[in-house]
Protein backbone atom coordinates (compact mmCIF):
# COMPACT_ATOMS: atom_id res chain seq x y z
CA UNK A 1 33.72 -14.19 9.45
CA UNK A 2 31.71 -13.15 12.52
CA UNK A 3 28.83 -15.16 13.97
CA UNK A 4 26.48 -12.17 13.74
CA UNK A 5 23.37 -13.08 11.73
CA UNK A 6 22.29 -10.59 9.09
CA UNK A 7 19.54 -12.46 7.22
CA UNK A 8 16.72 -14.51 8.75
CA UNK A 9 15.01 -16.88 6.31
CA UNK A 10 12.15 -19.37 6.40
CA UNK A 11 11.53 -22.42 4.22
CA UNK A 12 8.79 -22.64 1.58
CA UNK A 13 6.94 -24.99 3.92
CA UNK A 14 6.55 -22.03 6.28
CA UNK A 15 4.61 -19.83 3.84
CA UNK A 16 1.44 -18.94 5.79
CA UNK A 17 -1.59 -21.14 5.11
CA UNK A 18 -4.13 -18.46 6.09
CA UNK A 19 -4.48 -14.70 5.80
CA UNK A 20 -5.13 -12.70 8.98
CA UNK A 21 -8.49 -10.88 8.98
CA UNK A 22 -8.31 -8.09 11.56
CA UNK A 23 -11.95 -7.01 11.11
CA UNK A 24 -13.34 -9.16 13.98
CA UNK A 25 -10.78 -7.63 16.36
CA UNK A 26 -11.48 -3.96 15.66
CA UNK A 27 -12.67 -2.06 18.73
CA UNK A 28 -16.29 -0.86 18.64
CA UNK A 29 -18.92 -1.46 15.99
CA UNK A 30 -17.63 -1.60 12.40
CA UNK A 31 -18.46 1.45 10.30
CA UNK A 32 -19.91 0.22 7.00
CA UNK A 33 -19.34 1.65 3.52
CA UNK A 34 -22.43 3.34 2.12
CA UNK A 35 -24.28 3.16 -1.17
CA UNK A 36 -24.05 6.81 -2.35
CA UNK A 37 -27.55 6.71 -3.87
CA UNK A 38 -29.41 5.33 -0.83
CA UNK A 39 -26.98 6.16 1.99
CA UNK A 40 -27.66 2.62 3.25
CA UNK A 41 -24.80 0.25 4.11
CA UNK A 42 -23.23 -1.14 0.94
CA UNK A 43 -23.27 -4.92 0.73
CA UNK A 44 -22.21 -7.67 -1.66
CA UNK A 45 -24.82 -6.74 -4.32
CA UNK A 46 -23.17 -3.32 -4.67
CA UNK A 47 -19.86 -5.01 -5.53
CA UNK A 48 -20.95 -7.84 -7.85
CA UNK A 49 -20.70 -5.78 -11.08
CA UNK A 50 -16.93 -5.46 -10.72
CA UNK A 51 -15.68 -8.16 -8.27
CA UNK A 52 -15.99 -11.97 -8.19
CA UNK A 53 -18.03 -13.50 -5.38
CA UNK A 54 -15.01 -15.06 -3.67
CA UNK A 55 -13.30 -11.69 -3.20
CA UNK A 56 -16.55 -10.07 -2.03
CA UNK A 57 -16.88 -12.78 0.61
CA UNK A 58 -13.31 -12.08 1.72
CA UNK A 59 -14.15 -8.35 1.84
CA UNK A 60 -17.02 -8.90 4.30
CA UNK A 61 -15.73 -12.02 6.07
CA UNK A 62 -16.30 -12.19 9.84
CA UNK A 63 -13.76 -15.00 10.20
CA UNK A 64 -10.47 -14.21 11.98
CA UNK A 65 -8.53 -16.19 9.36
CA UNK A 66 -9.16 -16.91 5.68
CA UNK A 67 -7.53 -19.91 4.03
CA UNK A 68 -5.07 -19.21 1.21
CA UNK A 69 -5.88 -21.36 -1.85
CA UNK A 70 -3.21 -23.93 -2.62
CA UNK A 71 -2.79 -22.56 -6.16
CA UNK A 72 -2.00 -19.11 -4.71
CA UNK A 73 0.51 -20.52 -2.22
CA UNK A 74 2.18 -22.38 -5.10
CA UNK A 75 2.76 -19.08 -6.93
CA UNK A 76 3.89 -17.42 -3.70
CA UNK A 77 6.81 -19.88 -3.71
CA UNK A 78 8.39 -17.81 -6.51
CA UNK A 79 9.45 -15.26 -3.87
CA UNK A 80 7.97 -16.14 -0.51
CA UNK A 81 8.99 -16.32 2.27
CA UNK A 82 10.75 -13.00 1.83
CA UNK A 83 13.86 -12.32 3.95
CA UNK A 84 14.15 -10.37 7.18
CA UNK A 85 17.44 -8.49 7.60
CA UNK A 86 19.19 -7.04 10.62
CA UNK A 87 20.44 -3.60 9.50
CA UNK A 88 23.72 -3.86 11.40
CA UNK A 89 25.61 -1.46 9.11
CA UNK A 90 22.91 1.19 9.41
CA UNK A 91 22.89 0.77 13.18
CA UNK A 92 26.65 1.36 13.25
CA UNK A 93 26.39 4.42 10.99
CA UNK A 94 23.76 5.90 13.29
CA UNK A 95 25.73 4.95 16.43
CA UNK A 96 22.49 3.78 17.96
CA UNK A 97 21.80 1.09 20.56
CA UNK A 98 18.58 0.33 18.66
CA UNK A 99 18.31 -2.97 16.81
CA UNK A 100 16.89 -2.30 13.33
CA UNK A 101 15.29 -5.09 11.30
CA UNK A 102 13.69 -4.76 7.87
CA UNK A 103 11.31 -7.08 6.06
CA UNK A 104 12.24 -6.87 2.38
CA UNK A 105 9.46 -7.32 -0.19
CA UNK A 106 11.58 -6.20 -3.15
CA UNK A 107 12.51 -9.84 -3.86
CA UNK A 108 9.22 -10.48 -5.70
CA UNK A 109 9.38 -10.61 -9.53
CA UNK A 110 7.60 -7.24 -9.68
CA UNK A 111 9.94 -5.73 -7.09
CA UNK A 112 7.42 -4.96 -4.33
CA UNK A 113 4.82 -6.42 -1.95
CA UNK A 114 2.00 -5.97 -4.46
CA UNK A 115 1.98 -9.50 -5.99
CA UNK A 116 0.80 -10.88 -2.63
CA UNK A 117 -2.67 -9.56 -3.50
CA UNK A 118 -2.42 -9.48 -7.30
CA UNK A 119 -1.92 -13.25 -7.48
CA UNK A 120 -4.84 -13.89 -5.12
CA UNK A 121 -7.14 -11.58 -7.09
CA UNK A 122 -6.16 -12.94 -10.49
CA UNK A 123 -6.73 -16.49 -9.27
CA UNK A 124 -10.25 -15.81 -7.98
CA UNK A 125 -11.22 -13.91 -11.14
CA UNK A 126 -9.94 -16.77 -13.29
CA UNK A 127 -12.00 -19.22 -11.19
CA UNK A 128 -15.05 -17.03 -11.81
CA UNK A 129 -14.61 -17.14 -15.60
CA UNK A 130 -13.51 -13.53 -16.03
CA UNK A 131 -11.42 -12.80 -19.14
CA UNK A 132 -9.87 -9.41 -18.35
CA UNK A 133 -8.90 -7.26 -15.35
CA UNK A 134 -8.82 -3.46 -15.33
CA UNK A 135 -6.90 -1.50 -12.73
CA UNK A 136 -5.06 1.69 -11.87
CA UNK A 137 -1.47 2.17 -10.81
CA UNK A 138 0.46 5.07 -9.34
CA UNK A 139 4.20 4.51 -9.41
CA UNK A 140 3.66 1.23 -11.25
CA UNK A 141 4.24 -1.35 -8.52
CA UNK A 142 0.61 -2.49 -8.49
CA UNK A 143 0.31 -2.41 -12.26
CA UNK A 144 3.46 -4.52 -12.57
CA UNK A 145 2.14 -7.00 -10.03
CA UNK A 146 -1.25 -7.38 -11.71
CA UNK A 147 0.34 -7.65 -15.16
CA UNK A 148 2.47 -10.52 -13.83
CA UNK A 149 -0.47 -12.21 -12.09
CA UNK A 150 -2.68 -11.96 -15.18
CA UNK A 151 0.08 -13.51 -17.27
CA UNK A 152 0.39 -16.40 -14.79
CA UNK A 153 -3.38 -17.06 -14.88
CA UNK A 154 -3.91 -16.31 -18.60
CA UNK A 155 -6.00 -13.15 -18.20
CA UNK A 156 -5.92 -9.94 -20.22
CA UNK A 157 -4.91 -6.84 -18.28
CA UNK A 158 -5.53 -3.13 -18.91
CA UNK A 159 -3.85 -0.60 -16.64
CA UNK A 160 -4.50 3.12 -16.22
CA UNK A 161 -1.23 4.63 -15.01
CA UNK A 162 -1.23 8.01 -13.26
CA UNK A 163 0.08 10.60 -15.72
CA UNK A 164 2.97 11.95 -13.65
CA UNK A 165 4.30 8.44 -12.98
CA UNK A 166 3.72 7.37 -16.60
CA UNK A 167 6.11 10.18 -17.58
CA UNK A 168 8.58 9.70 -14.70
CA UNK A 169 8.87 5.89 -14.87
CA UNK A 170 8.87 4.67 -18.49
CA UNK A 171 10.64 1.41 -17.65
CA UNK A 172 8.02 0.45 -15.11
CA UNK A 173 5.54 0.83 -17.99
CA UNK A 174 7.79 -1.35 -20.16
CA UNK A 175 7.80 -3.99 -17.45
CA UNK A 176 4.00 -4.19 -17.49
CA UNK A 177 3.98 -4.40 -21.26
CA UNK A 178 6.63 -7.16 -21.14
CA UNK A 179 4.11 -9.25 -19.20
CA UNK A 180 1.46 -8.49 -21.82
CA UNK A 181 -0.56 -5.68 -20.21
CA UNK A 182 -2.05 -2.70 -22.05
CA UNK A 183 -0.92 0.50 -20.27
CA UNK A 184 -2.73 3.82 -20.75
CA UNK A 185 -1.76 7.24 -19.44
CA UNK A 186 -4.39 8.61 -17.04
CA UNK A 187 -6.37 10.78 -17.46
CA UNK A 188 -7.04 9.32 -20.88
CA UNK A 189 -9.40 9.87 -23.80
CA UNK A 190 -10.65 6.27 -23.58
CA UNK A 191 -13.23 6.75 -20.79
CA UNK A 192 -15.85 9.32 -19.82
CA UNK A 193 -14.12 9.63 -16.44
CA UNK A 194 -10.77 10.35 -18.06
CA UNK A 195 -12.17 12.89 -20.49
CA UNK A 196 -13.80 14.75 -17.59
CA UNK A 197 -10.43 15.16 -15.85
CA UNK A 198 -8.15 16.23 -18.71
CA UNK A 199 -7.66 19.58 -16.97
CA UNK A 200 -5.49 17.65 -14.44
CA UNK A 201 -2.78 16.27 -16.77
CA UNK A 202 -0.55 14.92 -13.96
CA UNK A 203 -3.45 12.68 -12.92
CA UNK A 204 -4.06 10.99 -9.58
CA UNK A 205 -4.86 7.54 -8.26
CA UNK A 206 -8.45 8.66 -7.76
CA UNK A 207 -8.80 9.56 -11.44
CA UNK A 208 -7.14 6.33 -12.59
CA UNK A 209 -9.46 4.32 -10.34
CA UNK A 210 -12.48 6.02 -11.92
CA UNK A 211 -11.26 5.04 -15.40
CA UNK A 212 -10.61 1.41 -14.48
CA UNK A 213 -13.94 1.03 -12.64
CA UNK A 214 -15.78 2.47 -15.64
CA UNK A 215 -14.14 -0.05 -18.00
CA UNK A 216 -15.06 -2.95 -15.71
CA UNK A 217 -18.63 -1.76 -15.15
CA UNK A 218 -19.31 -1.59 -18.91
CA UNK A 219 -17.97 -5.06 -19.83
CA UNK A 220 -19.37 -8.26 -18.25
CA UNK A 221 -16.15 -10.15 -19.07
CA UNK A 222 -13.99 -7.54 -17.32
CA UNK A 223 -13.63 -7.09 -13.57
CA UNK A 224 -11.91 -4.38 -11.58
CA UNK A 225 -8.88 -5.12 -9.43
CA UNK A 226 -7.69 -2.77 -6.67
CA UNK A 227 -4.17 -2.74 -5.24
CA UNK A 228 -4.88 -1.23 -1.83
CA UNK A 229 -7.54 0.27 0.49
CA UNK A 230 -10.17 -2.51 0.51
CA UNK A 231 -10.32 -5.14 3.26
CA UNK A 232 -9.54 -8.11 1.01
CA UNK A 233 -6.37 -6.41 -0.28
CA UNK A 234 -5.12 -5.70 3.24
CA UNK A 235 -6.04 -9.30 4.10
CA UNK A 236 -3.85 -10.75 1.32
CA UNK A 237 -0.84 -8.75 2.44
CA UNK A 238 -0.80 -10.21 5.97
CA UNK A 239 1.54 -12.96 4.81
CA UNK A 240 4.23 -10.27 5.35
CA UNK A 241 3.57 -9.75 9.04
CA UNK A 242 3.07 -13.45 9.78
CA UNK A 243 6.46 -14.27 8.28
CA UNK A 244 8.03 -11.33 10.10
CA UNK A 245 6.71 -12.63 13.41
CA UNK A 246 8.32 -16.01 12.81
CA UNK A 247 11.59 -14.40 11.71
CA UNK A 248 11.72 -12.06 14.72
CA UNK A 249 11.31 -15.17 16.85
CA UNK A 250 14.36 -16.66 15.08
CA UNK A 251 16.23 -13.48 16.00
CA UNK A 252 15.08 -13.83 19.61
CA UNK A 253 13.55 -10.34 19.69
CA UNK A 254 10.20 -8.57 19.60
CA UNK A 255 9.69 -5.18 17.95
CA UNK A 256 9.02 -2.17 20.17
CA UNK A 257 7.91 -0.20 17.11
CA UNK A 258 6.81 -1.30 13.62
CA UNK A 259 7.26 1.26 10.83
CA UNK A 260 5.87 1.36 7.30
CA UNK A 261 4.88 3.80 4.57
CA UNK A 262 1.22 4.49 3.84
CA UNK A 263 -0.47 5.51 0.60
CA UNK A 264 -3.62 3.39 0.47
CA UNK A 265 -2.47 1.14 3.29
CA UNK A 266 -1.85 -2.37 1.92
CA UNK A 267 1.87 -2.57 2.67
CA UNK A 268 1.45 -1.11 6.15
CA UNK A 269 -1.51 -3.37 6.89
CA UNK A 270 0.32 -6.44 5.67
CA UNK A 271 3.23 -5.92 8.02
CA UNK A 272 1.39 -4.59 11.06
CA UNK A 273 -1.99 -6.32 11.28
CA UNK A 274 -0.69 -9.63 12.71
CA UNK A 275 1.20 -7.60 15.35
CA UNK A 276 -1.81 -5.33 15.98
CA UNK A 277 -3.96 -8.40 16.61
CA UNK A 278 -1.55 -9.35 19.37
CA UNK A 279 -1.89 -5.88 20.89
CA UNK A 280 -5.69 -6.04 20.74
CA UNK A 281 -5.95 -9.58 22.08
CA UNK A 282 -3.00 -9.92 24.45
CA UNK A 283 -2.21 -6.35 25.49
CA UNK A 284 1.23 -6.23 23.85
CA UNK A 285 2.81 -2.76 23.95
CA UNK A 286 4.14 -2.52 20.39
CA UNK A 287 3.89 0.90 18.74
CA UNK A 288 2.95 1.37 15.09
CA UNK A 289 4.19 4.28 13.01
CA UNK A 290 2.83 5.20 9.56
CA UNK A 291 4.95 7.44 7.31
CA UNK A 292 3.31 9.44 4.51
CA UNK A 293 4.32 12.24 2.11
CA UNK A 294 3.99 15.84 3.29
CA UNK A 295 2.56 16.69 -0.15
CA UNK A 296 -0.34 14.25 0.36
CA UNK A 297 -0.75 14.01 4.16
CA UNK A 298 -3.97 12.04 4.41
CA UNK A 299 -3.60 10.65 7.93
CA UNK A 300 -1.96 13.72 9.44
CA UNK A 301 -4.03 16.47 7.77
CA UNK A 302 -7.16 14.82 6.37
CA UNK A 303 -10.65 14.74 7.89
CA UNK A 304 -12.38 11.56 9.07
CA UNK A 305 -15.45 11.48 6.84
CA UNK A 306 -17.33 9.40 4.32
CA UNK A 307 -15.88 9.96 0.85
CA UNK A 308 -15.64 8.31 -2.54
CA UNK A 309 -12.66 6.07 -3.17
CA UNK A 310 -12.29 7.53 -6.66
CA UNK A 311 -12.35 11.03 -8.16
CA UNK A 312 -15.48 10.87 -10.30
CA UNK A 313 -17.66 9.22 -7.64
CA UNK A 314 -18.27 5.70 -8.94
CA UNK A 315 -17.38 3.77 -5.77
CA UNK A 316 -19.25 3.28 -2.49
CA UNK A 317 -18.65 5.92 0.18
CA UNK A 318 -15.84 4.81 2.47
CA UNK A 319 -15.27 5.90 6.09
CA UNK A 320 -11.69 7.19 6.05
CA UNK A 321 -9.31 10.05 6.53
CA UNK A 322 -9.53 12.00 3.29
CA UNK A 323 -8.22 15.12 1.60
CA UNK A 324 -11.27 15.12 -0.69
CA UNK A 325 -11.91 12.71 -3.54
CA UNK A 326 -11.11 15.30 -6.21
CA UNK A 327 -8.00 16.66 -4.49
CA UNK A 328 -5.14 16.14 -6.96
CA UNK A 329 -1.86 15.71 -5.04
CA UNK A 330 1.34 17.32 -6.35
CA UNK A 331 3.46 15.02 -8.58
CA UNK A 332 5.92 13.72 -5.98
CA UNK A 333 8.14 10.79 -7.00
CA UNK A 334 6.46 8.50 -4.45
CA UNK A 335 3.58 7.93 -6.84
CA UNK A 336 2.28 4.99 -4.81
CA UNK A 337 1.55 7.38 -1.92
CA UNK A 338 -0.43 9.95 -3.95
CA UNK A 339 -3.91 8.92 -2.82
CA UNK A 340 -6.54 11.17 -1.25
CA UNK A 341 -7.72 8.57 1.29
CA UNK A 342 -6.61 5.43 3.09
CA UNK A 343 -7.90 1.96 3.91
CA UNK A 344 -10.97 2.33 6.19
CA UNK A 345 -9.71 -0.42 8.50
CA UNK A 346 -6.36 1.37 8.89
CA UNK A 347 -8.10 4.73 9.42
CA UNK A 348 -10.22 3.21 12.18
CA UNK A 349 -7.03 2.12 13.97
CA UNK A 350 -5.55 5.61 13.60
CA UNK A 351 -8.79 7.07 14.97
CA UNK A 352 -8.53 4.73 17.98
CA UNK A 353 -4.95 5.85 18.64
CA UNK A 354 -3.42 2.44 17.87
CA UNK A 355 -1.40 3.83 14.94
CA UNK A 356 0.50 7.12 14.89
CA UNK A 357 1.29 8.94 11.65
CA UNK A 358 4.04 11.32 10.50
CA UNK A 359 4.46 13.17 7.20
CA UNK A 360 7.80 13.78 5.45
CA UNK A 361 8.87 15.95 2.53
CA UNK A 362 10.71 14.46 -0.46
CA UNK A 363 14.24 15.63 0.35
CA UNK A 364 14.38 14.24 3.91
CA UNK A 365 12.94 10.97 2.61
CA UNK A 366 15.56 10.68 -0.14
CA UNK A 367 18.33 11.68 2.25
CA UNK A 368 17.33 8.70 4.39
CA UNK A 369 17.04 6.43 1.33
CA UNK A 370 20.55 7.36 0.22
CA UNK A 371 21.97 6.61 3.66
CA UNK A 372 20.19 3.25 3.68
CA UNK A 373 21.46 2.38 0.20
CA UNK A 374 25.04 3.26 1.09
CA UNK A 375 24.98 1.27 4.33
CA UNK A 376 22.71 -1.68 3.51
CA UNK A 377 23.22 -1.91 -0.26
CA UNK A 378 19.54 -1.91 -1.30
CA UNK A 379 18.25 1.09 -3.25
CA UNK A 380 14.77 1.68 -1.76
CA UNK A 381 11.71 2.82 -3.64
CA UNK A 382 10.60 6.42 -2.98
CA UNK A 383 7.61 5.12 -1.02
CA UNK A 384 9.49 3.15 1.67
CA UNK A 385 12.05 5.97 1.77
CA UNK A 386 9.49 7.78 3.94
CA UNK A 387 9.41 4.83 6.35
CA UNK A 388 13.22 4.75 6.42
CA UNK A 389 13.18 8.42 7.44
CA UNK A 390 10.86 7.53 10.34
CA UNK A 391 13.04 4.53 11.26
CA UNK A 392 16.16 6.68 11.44
CA UNK A 393 14.32 9.15 13.67
CA UNK A 394 13.31 6.29 15.98
CA UNK A 395 16.88 4.96 16.08
CA UNK A 396 18.29 8.40 16.90
CA UNK A 397 15.66 8.85 19.61
CA UNK A 398 16.79 5.53 21.09
CA UNK A 399 20.37 6.83 21.07
CA UNK A 400 19.33 10.01 22.88
CA UNK A 401 17.39 7.99 25.45
CA UNK A 402 20.10 5.33 25.76
CA UNK A 403 17.54 2.60 25.03
CA UNK A 404 18.04 -0.68 23.16
CA UNK A 405 14.83 -0.17 21.18
CA UNK A 406 13.89 -2.86 18.60
CA UNK A 407 12.59 -1.39 15.34
CA UNK A 408 10.93 -3.37 12.54
CA UNK A 409 10.78 -1.59 9.17
CA UNK A 410 8.70 -2.60 6.19
CA UNK A 411 10.85 -2.17 3.08
CA UNK A 412 8.04 -2.57 0.58
CA UNK A 413 10.08 -2.48 -2.64
CA UNK A 414 13.24 -1.49 -4.45
CA UNK A 415 13.84 1.71 -6.41
CA UNK A 416 15.42 0.29 -9.56
CA UNK A 417 12.77 1.97 -11.73
CA UNK A 418 13.00 5.24 -9.80
CA UNK A 419 16.52 6.33 -10.64
CA UNK A 420 15.30 9.57 -12.23
CA UNK A 421 14.17 10.55 -8.74
CA UNK A 422 17.61 9.74 -7.35
CA UNK A 423 19.13 11.72 -10.23
CA UNK A 424 17.05 14.73 -9.19
CA UNK A 425 18.06 14.35 -5.55
CA UNK A 426 21.77 13.90 -6.27
CA UNK A 427 21.75 16.90 -8.61
CA UNK A 428 19.95 19.10 -6.09
CA UNK A 429 16.88 19.41 -8.32
CA UNK A 430 14.41 17.59 -6.06
CA UNK A 431 11.76 19.97 -4.76
CA UNK A 432 9.87 19.73 -1.49
CA UNK A 433 6.56 20.43 -3.17
CA UNK A 434 4.20 22.47 -1.05
CA UNK A 435 0.96 20.96 0.14
CA UNK A 436 -1.92 23.26 -0.83
CA UNK A 437 -4.25 24.05 2.07
CA UNK A 438 -6.51 25.96 -0.32
CA UNK A 439 -6.84 23.03 -2.74
CA UNK A 440 -7.58 20.65 0.12
CA UNK A 441 -10.21 22.93 1.63
CA UNK A 442 -11.87 23.37 -1.76
CA UNK A 443 -11.94 19.56 -2.18
CA UNK A 444 -13.32 19.09 1.35
CA UNK A 445 -16.06 21.60 0.58
CA UNK A 446 -17.14 19.26 -2.23
CA UNK A 447 -17.37 16.13 -0.08
CA UNK A 448 -20.62 14.21 -0.60
CA UNK A 449 -23.39 14.79 1.91
CA UNK A 450 -23.31 11.75 4.13
CA UNK A 451 -23.90 10.82 7.79
CA UNK A 452 -21.24 12.04 10.20
CA UNK A 453 -18.90 9.42 11.65
CA UNK A 454 -18.84 9.31 15.44
């Protein structure tokens, strides 16, 4: 057996003790969310009907680090630290001088990075005396994670699952129900928001968010829980990047480029923000590459404006790249990437040129996923398949340039509940669904009137 290391692991004692808050490091003045009624900056009072005080304080925290509660770190031990792999077989298949590493979050019980925030949110809601959490889920990774977290902290859980994914991924739904959650197909007949959107039967994350927020707003014992976009969610995910930094040090290398997929932004933020802090503070030259679906190209085709985070318009107005809050993306298999906007903090970094973005169609993404599975053994989820496509492009570019480029990939979850998508690809039935310029423009024409963002 060779001496070449494939897997870099840390001990449970090395689980991070603090989350990294990138907000204090952002260049320029922070752009606040707005109350849509007053157009004044939204503050903690705007969030108290649906979030516990502890999470609101994390959302607006000016501190560069936020301590992780001991009870949360204890649960993290079920799967953290997650492994970092050197993709030596993929490197050989690509005949590239690049060194490819991937941080694998599919080892969590729910099969993705999402429990990093779900556990933290369930804990704080339990501490606040809340009895039930309501949420949305696209492909089901977030719903699975919150169902698990609610079970661990003895909370009820109701999940509105985007219609197309509800139909495509029945076993992901079964997983949530196994942990005791109630799962409803969105748009549903159970909320005013859902009933207003029944003309869009495939649903969207924006619609599902509206339904979950409505449920939480009407019941004082129910809070809302979001799986991406907001600052506190991105904060919780930074355990990924902190571990990756320590593991890259074990490997004796530093990444030249860090690659991840982006839907709302939590996975990408979790991996990159600790590295981005180093760029902002120390002048490191690391590049950051966000991969998104061509059918929902928020960062590459959207406009930088204030917009609602949900379809019906129940949330504060967020400064972000958006396709329009009532744009309904085509039903691609990467359901976790079908969101009209992105995390404001991530969008600000894209605006500043610190993050570059590329969009990929379904077939090229699945072609890359298949190559990865056959060389590395892990069947990726459709979402990180987009990041694998970008990683392969970077590795081939290194080959053309004759450079020993170091690439760090965020493999945010496995695809064990997405085999119908692989069936479609292998049978030649997978379509590269067209992005509709007309639908986007119509949605952009309906953006709320709000101050322009400089």
